[in-house]
Amino acid sequence: DRNCQVVSVHGESASDGGGVLNMSFGEANCTVELTSCVPGVCYSIVDKTYELVQDEVPRKQPSSFFSSVSFEGAKDVSHTPRGIAFRSEGSRVVLTYSTHTCSDFYWYHSKEKRQLCNRPYAAVREIDAG
């Protein structure tokens, strides 16, 4: 059993060498419970979409795959285009998130030649501690 980890119902991306979770566009107010977290430890969810070419236009929200995130049982939360970081306050952390719609996502990344809207997207790495 892995500590403070999430498993995607869409599985992992086989093409990225493992450890990259597939997610869907347009998810709204999804709640995930992370268990066996170590209190006081910093955790991060690296956003693989940061590697894509991003438009230079300033936006209100970070250009990550997530459109919004909130936590229960965590502090020092940071949400940037590179991903999400948080410090666990206890052994249980609840993450509530929404993801951008496909059209919003590709508005941020309009230079991408192929828009992959009709299937899960290899978006984030597994949660890492440290």
Foldseek 3Di string as FASTA:
>chain_A
DDAQWDADPQGADPVPVDQFHWDAAFAAFDKDKTFQHDAFWKKWKFWPCLPADWDPDDDPAALAQWRDKDKDQWDPWDQHNGGIMTGGHDRMMMMTTTGHHQVVNCVGRVVDPDRDRPGTDRTIGIMDID
